[in-house]
């Protein structure tokens, strides 16, 4: 099962970073928690949400729980 990082923002719909797939939840969580990856994650967020939106939550979800484009992530 493939896992992805999902960002929940204040003003932008939630989105998954599909360019960073992980083999399991632990790999995904470890990547998010590693400070050396903060620049890469910031670039991903800025690309989608811009500079001014607030991150409300970050999650690691399996691909099966991430809807196709245009559908809500709940």
PDB file of N, CA and C in Angstrom:
ATOM      1  N   UNK A   1       0.846  -1.169   0.000  1.00  0.00           N
ATOM      2  CA  UNK A   1       0.000   0.000   0.000  1.00  0.00           C
ATOM      3  C   UNK A   1       0.900   1.243   0.000  1.00  0.00           C
ATOM      4  N   UNK A   2       0.548   2.215  -0.804  1.00  0.00           N
ATOM      5  CA  UNK A   2       1.301   3.455  -0.900  1.00  0.00           C
ATOM      6  C   UNK A   2       0.672   4.510   0.001  1.00  0.00           C
ATOM      7  N   UNK A   3       1.525   5.232   0.708  1.00  0.00           N
ATOM      8  CA  UNK A   3       1.094   6.288   1.625  1.00  0.00           C
ATOM      9  C   UNK A   3       1.584   7.635   1.126  1.00  0.00           C
ATOM     10  N   UNK A   4       0.808   8.699   1.416  1.00  0.00           N
ATOM     11  CA  UNK A   4       1.178  10.043   1.010  1.00  0.00           C
ATOM     12  C   UNK A   4       0.974  11.024   2.162  1.00  0.00           C
ATOM     13  N   UNK A   5       1.723  12.124   2.113  1.00  0.00           N
ATOM     14  CA  UNK A   5       1.552  13.217   3.063  1.00  0.00           C
ATOM     15  C   UNK A   5       0.377  14.060   2.573  1.00  0.00           C
ATOM     16  N   UNK A   6      -0.523  14.396   3.496  1.00  0.00           N
ATOM     17  CA  UNK A   6      -1.682  15.219   3.175  1.00  0.00           C
ATOM     18  C   UNK A   6      -1.669  16.452   4.078  1.00  0.00           C
ATOM     19  N   UNK A   7      -1.833  17.621   3.467  1.00  0.00           N
ATOM     20  CA  UNK A   7      -1.887  18.876   4.197  1.00  0.00           C
ATOM     21  C   UNK A   7      -3.326  19.367   4.251  1.00  0.00           C
ATOM     22  N   UNK A   8      -3.735  19.813   5.426  1.00  0.00           N
ATOM     23  CA  UNK A   8      -5.040  20.427   5.631  1.00  0.00           C
ATOM     24  C   UNK A   8      -4.778  21.894   5.943  1.00  0.00           C
ATOM     25  N   UNK A   9      -5.326  22.765   5.099  1.00  0.00           N
ATOM     26  CA  UNK A   9      -5.040  24.188   5.161  1.00  0.00           C
ATOM     27  C   UNK A   9      -6.274  24.979   5.584  1.00  0.00           C
ATOM     28  N   UNK A  10      -6.050  26.226   6.008  1.00  0.00           N
ATOM     29  CA  UNK A  10      -7.160  27.079   6.431  1.00  0.00           C
ATOM     30  C   UNK A  10      -8.030  27.516   5.252  1.00  0.00           C
ATOM     31  N   UNK A  11      -7.398  27.840   4.111  1.00  0.00           N
ATOM     32  CA  UNK A  11      -8.158  28.416   2.995  1.00  0.00           C
ATOM     33  C   UNK A  11      -8.096  27.622   1.694  1.00  0.00           C
ATOM     34  N   UNK A  12      -7.298  26.593   1.663  1.00  0.00           N
ATOM     35  CA  UNK A  12      -7.149  25.771   0.457  1.00  0.00           C
ATOM     36  C   UNK A  12      -7.648  24.370   0.785  1.00  0.00           C
ATOM     37  N   UNK A  13      -8.290  23.726  -0.167  1.00  0.00           N
ATOM     38  CA  UNK A  13      -8.739  22.351   0.049  1.00  0.00           C
ATOM     39  C   UNK A  13      -7.554  21.454   0.392  1.00  0.00           C
ATOM     40  N   UNK A  14      -7.781  20.427   1.210  1.00  0.00           N
ATOM     41  CA  UNK A  14      -6.690  19.500   1.535  1.00  0.00           C
ATOM     42  C   UNK A  14      -6.079  18.921   0.259  1.00  0.00           C
ATOM     43  N   UNK A  15      -4.773  18.660   0.326  1.00  0.00           N
ATOM     44  CA  UNK A  15      -4.102  18.090  -0.836  1.00  0.00           C
ATOM     45  C   UNK A  15      -3.013  17.126  -0.406  1.00  0.00           C
ATOM     46  N   UNK A  16      -2.793  16.129  -1.262  1.00  0.00           N
ATOM     47  CA  UNK A  16      -1.751  15.131  -1.034  1.00  0.00           C
ATOM     48  C   UNK A  16      -0.535  15.474  -1.882  1.00  0.00           C
ATOM     49  N   UNK A  17       0.634  15.194  -1.343  1.00  0.00           N
ATOM     50  CA  UNK A  17       1.883  15.395  -2.071  1.00  0.00           C
ATOM     51  C   UNK A  17       2.186  14.073  -2.783  1.00  0.00           C
ATOM     52  N   UNK A  18       1.717  13.959  -4.010  1.00  0.00           N
ATOM     53  CA  UNK A  18       1.833  12.702  -4.755  1.00  0.00           C
ATOM     54  C   UNK A  18       3.246  12.433  -5.266  1.00  0.00           C
ATOM     55  N   UNK A  19       4.126  13.431  -5.196  1.00  0.00           N
ATOM     56  CA  UNK A  19       5.506  13.237  -5.650  1.00  0.00           C
ATOM     57  C   UNK A  19       6.368  12.587  -4.580  1.00  0.00           C
ATOM     58  N   UNK A  20       5.801  12.367  -3.381  1.00  0.00           N
ATOM     59  CA  UNK A  20       6.541  11.728  -2.287  1.00  0.00           C
ATOM     60  C   UNK A  20       5.779  10.498  -1.791  1.00  0.00           C
ATOM     61  N   UNK A  21       5.840   9.401  -2.511  1.00  0.00           N
ATOM     62  CA  UNK A  21       5.157   8.189  -2.056  1.00  0.00           C
ATOM     63  C   UNK A  21       5.996   7.438  -1.012  1.00  0.00           C
ATOM     64  N   UNK A  22       5.321   6.754  -0.101  1.00  0.00           N
ATOM     65  CA  UNK A  22       5.981   5.964   0.934  1.00  0.00           C
ATOM     66  C   UNK A  22       5.381   4.566   0.956  1.00  0.00           C
ATOM     67  N   UNK A  23       6.188   3.592   1.372  1.00  0.00           N
ATOM     68  CA  UNK A  23       5.742   2.201   1.404  1.00  0.00           C
ATOM     69  C   UNK A  23       4.851   1.894   2.594  1.00  0.00           C
ATOM     70  N   UNK A  24       4.975   2.697   3.672  1.00  0.00           N
ATOM     71  CA  UNK A  24       4.155   2.452   4.856  1.00  0.00           C
ATOM     72  C   UNK A  24       4.013   3.731   5.663  1.00  0.00           C
ATOM     73  N   UNK A  25       3.132   3.691   6.637  1.00  0.00           N
ATOM     74  CA  UNK A  25       2.836   4.865   7.456  1.00  0.00           C
ATOM     75  C   UNK A  25       4.062   5.335   8.224  1.00  0.00           C
ATOM     76  N   UNK A  26       4.824   4.407   8.778  1.00  0.00           N
ATOM     77  CA  UNK A  26       5.992   4.783   9.579  1.00  0.00           C
ATOM     78  C   UNK A  26       7.017   5.571   8.770  1.00  0.00           C
ATOM     79  N   UNK A  27       7.252   5.169   7.527  1.00  0.00           N
ATOM     80  CA  UNK A  27       8.170   5.914   6.654  1.00  0.00           C
ATOM     81  C   UNK A  27       7.659   7.333   6.428  1.00  0.00           C
ATOM     82  N   UNK A  28       6.387   7.456   6.183  1.00  0.00           N
ATOM     83  CA  UNK A  28       5.766   8.755   5.933  1.00  0.00           C
ATOM     84  C   UNK A  28       5.895   9.657   7.163  1.00  0.00           C
ATOM     85  N   UNK A  29       5.539   9.149   8.318  1.00  0.00           N
ATOM     86  CA  UNK A  29       5.611   9.926   9.558  1.00  0.00           C
ATOM     87  C   UNK A  29       7.051  10.318   9.855  1.00  0.00           C
ATOM     88  N   UNK A  30       7.982   9.405   9.656  1.00  0.00           N
ATOM     89  CA  UNK A  30       9.390   9.716   9.898  1.00  0.00           C
ATOM     90  C   UNK A  30       9.864  10.836   8.987  1.00  0.00           C
ATOM     91  N   UNK A  31       9.436  10.826   7.733  1.00  0.00           N
ATOM     92  CA  UNK A  31       9.813  11.878   6.784  1.00  0.00           C
ATOM     93  C   UNK A  31       9.264  13.227   7.244  1.00  0.00           C
ATOM     94  N   UNK A  32       8.002  13.267   7.633  1.00  0.00           N
ATOM     95  CA  UNK A  32       7.376  14.517   8.072  1.00  0.00           C
ATOM     96  C   UNK A  32       8.069  15.046   9.327  1.00  0.00           C
ATOM     97  N   UNK A  33       8.449  14.176  10.231  1.00  0.00           N
ATOM     98  CA  UNK A  33       9.050  14.593  11.491  1.00  0.00           C
ATOM     99  C   UNK A  33      10.534  14.919  11.399  1.00  0.00           C
ATOM    100  N   UNK A  34      11.171  14.617  10.285  1.00  0.00           N
ATOM    101  CA  UNK A  34      12.606  14.877  10.127  1.00  0.00           C
ATOM    102  C   UNK A  34      12.822  16.337   9.704  1.00  0.00           C
ATOM    103  N   UNK A  35      13.449  17.149  10.559  1.00  0.00           N
ATOM    104  CA  UNK A  35      13.647  18.567  10.236  1.00  0.00           C
ATOM    105  C   UNK A  35      14.419  18.801   8.927  1.00  0.00           C
ATOM    106  N   UNK A  36      15.230  17.860   8.517  1.00  0.00           N
ATOM    107  CA  UNK A  36      15.990  18.060   7.278  1.00  0.00           C
ATOM    108  C   UNK A  36      15.091  18.045   6.042  1.00  0.00           C
ATOM    109  N   UNK A  37      13.837  17.638   6.189  1.00  0.00           N
ATOM    110  CA  UNK A  37      12.893  17.619   5.066  1.00  0.00           C
ATOM    111  C   UNK A  37      11.976  18.843   5.032  1.00  0.00           C
ATOM    112  N   UNK A  38      12.158  19.752   5.970  1.00  0.00           N
ATOM    113  CA  UNK A  38      11.241  20.896   6.071  1.00  0.00           C
ATOM    114  C   UNK A  38      11.260  21.785   4.830  1.00  0.00           C
ATOM    115  N   UNK A  39      12.411  21.971   4.222  1.00  0.00           N
ATOM    116  CA  UNK A  39      12.474  22.804   3.017  1.00  0.00           C
ATOM    117  C   UNK A  39      11.671  22.194   1.880  1.00  0.00           C
ATOM    118  N   UNK A  40      11.803  20.901   1.691  1.00  0.00           N
ATOM    119  CA  UNK A  40      11.054  20.224   0.623  1.00  0.00           C
ATOM    120  C   UNK A  40       9.552  20.323   0.875  1.00  0.00           C
ATOM    121  N   UNK A  41       9.146  20.112   2.110  1.00  0.00           N
ATOM    122  CA  UNK A  41       7.722  20.193   2.429  1.00  0.00           C
ATOM    123  C   UNK A  41       7.206  21.620   2.267  1.00  0.00           C
ATOM    124  N   UNK A  42       8.009  22.598   2.643  1.00  0.00           N
ATOM    125  CA  UNK A  42       7.611  24.000   2.472  1.00  0.00           C
ATOM    126  C   UNK A  42       7.400  24.329   1.005  1.00  0.00           C
ATOM    127  N   UNK A  43       8.292  23.853   0.149  1.00  0.00           N
ATOM    128  CA  UNK A  43       8.149  24.090  -1.293  1.00  0.00           C
ATOM    129  C   UNK A  43       6.850  23.485  -1.814  1.00  0.00           C
ATOM    130  N   UNK A  44       6.530  22.279  -1.364  1.00  0.00           N
ATOM    131  CA  UNK A  44       5.293  21.618  -1.799  1.00  0.00           C
ATOM    132  C   UNK A  44       4.067  22.435  -1.377  1.00  0.00           C
ATOM    133  N   UNK A  45       4.075  22.933  -0.140  1.00  0.00           N
ATOM    134  CA  UNK A  45       2.937  23.709   0.363  1.00  0.00           C
ATOM    135  C   UNK A  45       2.833  25.038  -0.375  1.00  0.00           C
ATOM    136  N   UNK A  46       3.941  25.734  -0.522  1.00  0.00           N
ATOM    137  CA  UNK A  46       3.925  27.031  -1.200  1.00  0.00           C
ATOM    138  C   UNK A  46       3.455  26.885  -2.643  1.00  0.00           C
ATOM    139  N   UNK A  47       3.841  25.800  -3.296  1.00  0.00           N
ATOM    140  CA  UNK A  47       3.438  25.560  -4.680  1.00  0.00           C
ATOM    141  C   UNK A  47       1.923  25.467  -4.819  1.00  0.00           C
ATOM    142  N   UNK A  48       1.270  24.866  -3.846  1.00  0.00           N
ATOM    143  CA  UNK A  48      -0.185  24.670  -3.915  1.00  0.00           C
ATOM    144  C   UNK A  48      -0.942  25.807  -3.226  1.00  0.00           C
ATOM    145  N   UNK A  49      -0.510  26.171  -2.025  1.00  0.00           N
ATOM    146  CA  UNK A  49      -1.298  27.080  -1.186  1.00  0.00           C
ATOM    147  C   UNK A  49      -0.757  28.497  -1.114  1.00  0.00           C
ATOM    148  N   UNK A  50       0.450  28.731  -1.591  1.00  0.00           N
ATOM    149  CA  UNK A  50       1.043  30.058  -1.476  1.00  0.00           C
ATOM    150  C   UNK A  50       1.672  30.272  -0.110  1.00  0.00           C
ATOM    151  N   UNK A  51       2.084  31.516   0.125  1.00  0.00           N
ATOM    152  CA  UNK A  51       2.806  31.843   1.351  1.00  0.00           C
ATOM    153  C   UNK A  51       1.902  32.156   2.534  1.00  0.00           C
ATOM    154  N   UNK A  52       0.684  32.590   2.274  1.00  0.00           N
ATOM    155  CA  UNK A  52      -0.124  33.183   3.330  1.00  0.00           C
ATOM    156  C   UNK A  52      -1.121  32.243   3.998  1.00  0.00           C
ATOM    157  N   UNK A  53      -1.273  31.028   3.532  1.00  0.00           N
ATOM    158  CA  UNK A  53      -2.260  30.128   4.128  1.00  0.00           C
ATOM    159  C   UNK A  53      -1.667  29.409   5.334  1.00  0.00           C
ATOM    160  N   UNK A  54      -2.506  29.111   6.291  1.00  0.00           N
ATOM    161  CA  UNK A  54      -2.099  28.445   7.520  1.00  0.00           C
ATOM    162  C   UNK A  54      -2.288  26.934   7.397  1.00  0.00           C
ATOM    163  N   UNK A  55      -1.279  26.182   7.825  1.00  0.00           N
ATOM    164  CA  UNK A  55      -1.392  24.723   7.886  1.00  0.00           C
ATOM    165  C   UNK A  55      -2.129  24.375   9.169  1.00  0.00           C
ATOM    166  N   UNK A  56      -3.243  23.667   9.041  1.00  0.00           N
ATOM    167  CA  UNK A  56      -4.021  23.260  10.198  1.00  0.00           C
ATOM    168  C   UNK A  56      -3.614  21.879  10.694  1.00  0.00           C
ATOM    169  N   UNK A  57      -3.267  20.999   9.762  1.00  0.00           N
ATOM    170  CA  UNK A  57      -2.874  19.636  10.137  1.00  0.00           C
ATOM    171  C   UNK A  57      -2.098  18.998   8.992  1.00  0.00           C
ATOM    172  N   UNK A  58      -1.266  18.035   9.364  1.00  0.00           N
ATOM    173  CA  UNK A  58      -0.525  17.226   8.393  1.00  0.00           C
ATOM    174  C   UNK A  58      -0.778  15.777   8.772  1.00  0.00           C
ATOM    175  N   UNK A  59      -1.090  14.957   7.775  1.00  0.00           N
ATOM    176  CA  UNK A  59      -1.383  13.551   8.041  1.00  0.00           C
ATOM    177  C   UNK A  59      -0.717  12.677   6.995  1.00  0.00           C
ATOM    178  N   UNK A  60      -0.530  11.433   7.344  1.00  0.00           N
ATOM    179  CA  UNK A  60      -0.079  10.421   6.391  1.00  0.00           C
ATOM    180  C   UNK A  60      -1.248   9.480   6.161  1.00  0.00           C
ATOM    181  N   UNK A  61      -1.691   9.409   4.908  1.00  0.00           N
ATOM    182  CA  UNK A  61      -2.857   8.601   4.571  1.00  0.00           C
ATOM    183  C   UNK A  61      -2.529   7.606   3.467  1.00  0.00           C
ATOM    184  N   UNK A  62      -3.153   6.428   3.517  1.00  0.00           N
ATOM    185  CA  UNK A  62      -2.961   5.484   2.421  1.00  0.00           C
ATOM    186  C   UNK A  62      -3.648   5.992   1.164  1.00  0.00           C
ATOM    187  N   UNK A  63      -3.111   5.620   0.032  1.00  0.00           N
ATOM    188  CA  UNK A  63      -3.655   6.071  -1.258  1.00  0.00           C
ATOM    189  C   UNK A  63      -5.148   5.792  -1.373  1.00  0.00           C
ATOM    190  N   UNK A  64      -5.608   4.689  -0.797  1.00  0.00           N
ATOM    191  CA  UNK A  64      -7.020   4.314  -0.890  1.00  0.00           C
ATOM    192  C   UNK A  64      -7.941   5.307  -0.181  1.00  0.00           C
ATOM    193  N   UNK A  65      -7.405   6.130   0.718  1.00  0.00           N
ATOM    194  CA  UNK A  65      -8.216   7.108   1.438  1.00  0.00           C
ATOM    195  C   UNK A  65      -8.108   8.515   0.844  1.00  0.00           C
ATOM    196  N   UNK A  66      -7.331   8.634  -0.230  1.00  0.00           N
ATOM    197  CA  UNK A  66      -7.163   9.936  -0.876  1.00  0.00           C
ATOM    198  C   UNK A  66      -8.018   9.962  -2.135  1.00  0.00           C
ATOM    199  N   UNK A  67      -9.026  10.820  -2.164  1.00  0.00           N
ATOM    200  CA  UNK A  67      -9.926  10.845  -3.316  1.00  0.00           C
ATOM    201  C   UNK A  67      -9.249  11.391  -4.573  1.00  0.00           C
ATOM    202  N   UNK A  68      -9.866  11.149  -5.687  1.00  0.00           N
ATOM    203  CA  UNK A  68      -9.399  11.706  -6.954  1.00  0.00           C
ATOM    204  C   UNK A  68      -9.533  13.226  -6.901  1.00  0.00           C
ATOM    205  N   UNK A  69      -8.850  13.914  -7.775  1.00  0.00           N
ATOM    206  CA  UNK A  69      -8.934  15.384  -7.828  1.00  0.00           C
ATOM    207  C   UNK A  69     -10.385  15.834  -7.890  1.00  0.00           C
ATOM    208  N   UNK A  70     -10.676  16.862  -7.118  1.00  0.00           N
ATOM    209  CA  UNK A  70     -12.017  17.412  -7.120  1.00  0.00           C
ATOM    210  C   UNK A  70     -12.926  16.849  -6.054  1.00  0.00           C
ATOM    211  N   UNK A  71     -12.522  15.779  -5.398  1.00  0.00           N
ATOM    212  CA  UNK A  71     -13.303  15.212  -4.321  1.00  0.00           C
ATOM    213  C   UNK A  71     -12.709  15.648  -2.996  1.00  0.00           C
ATOM    214  N   UNK A  72     -13.537  15.728  -1.958  1.00  0.00           N
ATOM    215  CA  UNK A  72     -13.061  16.156  -0.653  1.00  0.00           C
ATOM    216  C   UNK A  72     -12.337  15.027   0.080  1.00  0.00           C
ATOM    217  N   UNK A  73     -11.266  15.418   0.777  1.00  0.00           N
ATOM    218  CA  UNK A  73     -10.592  14.499   1.696  1.00  0.00           C
ATOM    219  C   UNK A  73     -11.244  14.721   3.051  1.00  0.00           C
ATOM    220  N   UNK A  74     -11.757  13.689   3.634  1.00  0.00           N
ATOM    221  CA  UNK A  74     -12.428  13.825   4.941  1.00  0.00           C
ATOM    222  C   UNK A  74     -11.644  13.060   5.972  1.00  0.00           C
TER     223      UNK A  74
END
